[in-house]
Amino acid sequence: MRSNSFLSAVPGIGWGLIGYGIVRETNLRSVAWVGLAASPLIGIGIGVLADRISASTWIARVLFSLLSLYIAVALFAMVISCASVLGPLKAVDHALHASGPSGVLAIFFEGMVGFTISGYWLILWPLAAINHFWLWSRRDQLPTSLRVT
C-alpha cells in the first residue's frame, strides 16, 4: 500500500475492542474474539475507502464517517455471525437461529438492528468522525505522489 491505509489497522484494533466489549454482553460472547481478530483488517479496509473518498467538504466527511461506521459494524457483525453459525465454535443456540447461511444472515441483521436501536451509533459516530479527520489530516501531509488516487 502506498498510502497511510495501514495506519488504519491501529484504530481498527481500537474499534475492535469496542465491538468486543459490546458483543461480550450478548449470547455471542464465545466468538467475540473472532471479530477482534478481524478488526485490523476491517480497519485497513475502511482506511482504503477513506483514502479513495474525495470528501472535500466538512459535511461530506462527517456523513462519510457515519457510512463507514455502519460498513465497519456490518463487516464485524458478518465475521462474528459466520463464526457463530458456520465455524467450529457454534456459539448460538440453534433452537433460536437457523443453521447455515440463513442463520448467518439472521444474526447479522439482529446485530445491525441492535446497533441502530440501542443508540450505539449516536455515541460512536463522533468518534468515527474524529478518527477519519485524523486519518485525513495524516493523508494530507503525504506527498501527492504517495497518495492513493
Foldseek 3Di string as FASTA:
>chain_A
DLFCLLVQLVVLLVVLVVQLVVCCVDLLNVQSVQLNVCSSVLSSVLSVVLLPDPPPDLVSLLVVLLVSVLVSQLVSLLRSLCCCAVNPPVSDDCVVAPHDPRRSVVSSVVSSVCCVVVCVSVVCSVVSSVVSVVSVVRRVPDDPVRGDD
